[in-house]
C-alpha atoms as a PDB file:
ATOM      1  CA  MET A   1       0.655 -15.140  -0.061  1.00  0.00           C
ATOM      2  CA  LYS A   2      -3.080 -14.407  -1.210  1.00  0.00           C
ATOM      3  CA  LYS A   3      -4.088 -15.003   2.659  1.00  0.00           C
ATOM      4  CA  LEU A   4      -1.644 -12.494   3.713  1.00  0.00           C
ATOM      5  CA  LEU A   5      -3.027  -9.850   1.348  1.00  0.00           C
ATOM      6  CA  SER A   6      -6.620 -10.776   2.400  1.00  0.00           C
ATOM      7  CA  LEU A   7      -5.487 -10.238   6.127  1.00  0.00           C
ATOM      8  CA  LEU A   8      -3.748  -7.050   5.230  1.00  0.00           C
ATOM      9  CA  ILE A   9      -7.133  -5.879   3.440  1.00  0.00           C
ATOM     10  CA  ALA A  10      -9.170  -6.940   6.762  1.00  0.00           C
ATOM     11  CA  ILE A  11      -6.607  -4.835   8.685  1.00  0.00           C
ATOM     12  CA  SER A  12      -6.998  -1.635   6.558  1.00  0.00           C
ATOM     13  CA  ALA A  13     -10.588  -2.202   6.905  1.00  0.00           C
ATOM     14  CA  VAL A  14     -10.236  -2.024  10.914  1.00  0.00           C
ATOM     15  CA  ALA A  15      -7.845   0.910  10.308  1.00  0.00           C
ATOM     16  CA  ALA A  16     -10.498   2.819   8.174  1.00  0.00           C
ATOM     17  CA  TRP A  17     -12.520   2.957  11.554  1.00  0.00           C
ATOM     18  CA  TYR A  18      -9.761   4.884  13.358  1.00  0.00           C
ATOM     19  CA  TYR A  19      -9.750   7.262  10.318  1.00  0.00           C
ATOM     20  CA  ILE A  20     -12.610   8.632  11.899  1.00  0.00           C
ATOM     21  CA  TRP A  21     -10.075  10.605  14.455  1.00  0.00           C
ATOM     22  CA  THR A  22      -7.348  11.091  12.007  1.00  0.00           C
ATOM     23  CA  PRO A  23      -6.788  14.909  11.373  1.00  0.00           C
ATOM     24  CA  LYS A  24      -7.812  15.889   7.198  1.00  0.00           C
ATOM     25  CA  TRP A  25      -4.269  16.535   6.161  1.00  0.00           C
ATOM     26  CA  LEU A  26      -3.495  13.132   7.143  1.00  0.00           C
ATOM     27  CA  LEU A  27      -6.364  11.348   5.493  1.00  0.00           C
ATOM     28  CA  GLU A  28      -5.574  13.790   2.406  1.00  0.00           C
ATOM     29  CA  VAL A  29      -1.951  12.246   2.091  1.00  0.00           C
ATOM     30  CA  CYS A  30      -3.389   8.778   2.699  1.00  0.00           C
ATOM     31  CA  TYR A  31      -6.007   9.493  -0.440  1.00  0.00           C
ATOM     32  CA  ILE A  32      -2.957  11.091  -2.507  1.00  0.00           C
ATOM     33  CA  SER A  33      -0.774   8.231  -1.847  1.00  0.00           C
ATOM     34  CA  SER A  34      -3.441   5.330  -2.284  1.00  0.00           C
ATOM     35  CA  ILE A  35      -4.074   6.766  -5.937  1.00  0.00           C
ATOM     36  CA  ALA A  36      -0.319   6.834  -6.588  1.00  0.00           C
ATOM     37  CA  ALA A  37       0.052   3.343  -5.101  1.00  0.00           C
ATOM     38  CA  VAL A  38      -2.674   1.977  -7.655  1.00  0.00           C
ATOM     39  CA  SER A  39      -1.185   3.794 -10.470  1.00  0.00           C
ATOM     40  CA  ILE A  40       2.181   2.707  -9.608  1.00  0.00           C
ATOM     41  CA  VAL A  41       1.117  -0.957  -9.504  1.00  0.00           C
ATOM     42  CA  ALA A  42      -1.130  -0.729 -12.906  1.00  0.00           C
ATOM     43  CA  ILE A  43       1.837   0.976 -14.889  1.00  0.00           C
ATOM     44  CA  ASP A  44       4.272  -1.628 -13.612  1.00  0.00           C
ATOM     45  CA  LYS A  45       2.042  -4.446 -14.335  1.00  0.00           C
ATOM     46  CA  PHE A  46       1.451  -2.925 -17.601  1.00  0.00           C
ATOM     47  CA  CYS A  47       5.251  -2.506 -18.491  1.00  0.00           C
ATOM     48  CA  ALA A  48       5.776  -6.367 -17.129  1.00  0.00           C
ATOM     49  CA  VAL A  49       3.128  -7.365 -20.093  1.00  0.00           C
ATOM     50  CA  GLN A  50       4.753  -5.580 -22.346  1.00  0.00           C
ATOM     51  CA  ARG A  51       8.348  -6.368 -21.433  1.00  0.00           C
ATOM     52  CA  TRP A  52       9.492  -2.898 -21.132  1.00  0.00           C
ATOM     53  CA  SER A  53      11.638  -1.483 -18.388  1.00  0.00           C
ATOM     54  CA  ARG A  54       9.972  -1.657 -14.941  1.00  0.00           C
ATOM     55  CA  LEU A  55       9.484   0.833 -12.173  1.00  0.00           C
ATOM     56  CA  PRO A  56      12.125   0.666  -9.410  1.00  0.00           C
ATOM     57  CA  GLU A  57      10.723  -1.101  -6.301  1.00  0.00           C
ATOM     58  CA  TRP A  58      11.481   1.875  -4.079  1.00  0.00           C
ATOM     59  CA  LEU A  59       8.372   3.617  -5.836  1.00  0.00           C
ATOM     60  CA  PHE A  60       6.152   1.027  -4.045  1.00  0.00           C
ATOM     61  CA  PHE A  61       7.830   1.334  -0.828  1.00  0.00           C
ATOM     62  CA  ILE A  62       7.375   5.378  -0.650  1.00  0.00           C
ATOM     63  CA  ALA A  63       3.823   4.862  -1.688  1.00  0.00           C
ATOM     64  CA  THR A  64       3.316   2.386   1.152  1.00  0.00           C
ATOM     65  CA  LEU A  65       4.854   4.420   3.796  1.00  0.00           C
ATOM     66  CA  ALA A  66       2.932   7.487   2.615  1.00  0.00           C
ATOM     67  CA  GLY A  67      -0.306   5.556   3.879  1.00  0.00           C
ATOM     68  CA  GLY A  68      -1.268   3.886   0.271  1.00  0.00           C
ATOM     69  CA  TRP A  69      -0.514   0.083   1.766  1.00  0.00           C
ATOM     70  CA  GLY A  70      -4.256  -0.789   1.581  1.00  0.00           C
ATOM     71  CA  ALA A  71      -4.718   0.131  -2.094  1.00  0.00           C
ATOM     72  CA  MET A  72      -1.743  -1.358  -2.866  1.00  0.00           C
ATOM     73  CA  ALA A  73      -2.706  -4.676  -1.264  1.00  0.00           C
ATOM     74  CA  LEU A  74      -5.838  -4.299  -3.393  1.00  0.00           C
ATOM     75  CA  SER A  75      -4.156  -3.371  -6.701  1.00  0.00           C
ATOM     76  CA  PHE A  76      -1.958  -6.341  -6.216  1.00  0.00           C
ATOM     77  CA  ILE A  77      -4.819  -8.785  -6.098  1.00  0.00           C
ATOM     78  CA  VAL A  78      -6.890  -6.890  -9.037  1.00  0.00           C
ATOM     79  CA  PHE A  79      -3.829  -6.806 -11.272  1.00  0.00           C
ATOM     80  CA  ASN A  80      -2.527 -10.175 -10.426  1.00  0.00           C
ATOM     81  CA  HIS A  81       1.093  -8.629  -9.625  1.00  0.00           C
ATOM     82  CA  LYS A  82       4.036  -9.495  -7.699  1.00  0.00           C
ATOM     83  CA  HIS A  83       2.259 -12.490  -5.844  1.00  0.00           C
ATOM     84  CA  ASN A  84       5.220 -14.646  -6.240  1.00  0.00           C
ATOM     85  CA  LYS A  85       8.029 -12.502  -5.320  1.00  0.00           C
ATOM     86  CA  HIS A  86       8.834 -13.027  -1.824  1.00  0.00           C
ATOM     87  CA  ALA A  87      11.858 -10.810  -2.044  1.00  0.00           C
ATOM     88  CA  PHE A  88       9.563  -7.817  -2.532  1.00  0.00           C
ATOM     89  CA  PHE A  89       6.882  -8.966  -0.613  1.00  0.00           C
ATOM     90  CA  TRP A  90       8.172  -9.372   3.171  1.00  0.00           C
ATOM     91  CA  PRO A  91       9.960  -5.860   2.988  1.00  0.00           C
ATOM     92  CA  TRP A  92       6.487  -4.203   1.791  1.00  0.00           C
ATOM     93  CA  LEU A  93       4.548  -5.996   4.330  1.00  0.00           C
ATOM     94  CA  VAL A  94       6.795  -4.943   7.127  1.00  0.00           C
ATOM     95  CA  LEU A  95       6.508  -1.354   5.520  1.00  0.00           C
ATOM     96  CA  SER A  96       2.986  -1.689   5.245  1.00  0.00           C
ATOM     97  CA  ILE A  97       2.572  -2.456   9.068  1.00  0.00           C
ATOM     98  CA  VAL A  98       4.863   0.687  10.020  1.00  0.00           C
ATOM     99  CA  SER A  99       2.779   3.031   7.977  1.00  0.00           C
ATOM    100  CA  ALA A 100      -0.411   1.788   9.472  1.00  0.00           C
ATOM    101  CA  ALA A 101       1.014   2.050  12.962  1.00  0.00           C
ATOM    102  CA  ALA A 102       1.918   5.584  12.203  1.00  0.00           C
ATOM    103  CA  ILE A 103      -1.435   6.623  11.047  1.00  0.00           C
ATOM    104  CA  TYR A 104      -2.673   5.273  13.906  1.00  0.00           C
ATOM    105  CA  ALA A 105      -0.090   6.835  16.195  1.00  0.00           C
ATOM    106  CA  ILE A 106       0.329  10.256  14.689  1.00  0.00           C
ATOM    107  CA  PRO A 107      -3.211  11.739  15.505  1.00  0.00           C
ATOM    108  CA  ARG A 108      -2.986  10.569  19.198  1.00  0.00           C
ATOM    109  CA  TYR A 109       0.491  12.494  19.868  1.00  0.00           C
ATOM    110  CA  LEU A 110      -0.259  15.427  17.908  1.00  0.00           C
END
């Protein structure tokens, strides 16, 4: 699973190159969703350690679709969170790919 996360980080580095042609409004959406993604992972990890009620997974998915998938992938590694939860990881990975494809395609078709 860590290899796939590393691959996703490498893909995000390549995607950063495409951000040069991305409209400013889309970059701002990606930045805000990246901040939200890191916050969601950090809060959920804190809740897990404290054994409190956890954040719903749809929050992770919304932040991913909004463009925060790269920051979320880094957050999973930094916070050592959700590494063994395969039922979460595969849908999240698919949504990450869809989000990356949309970020790539939107500026070319507007």
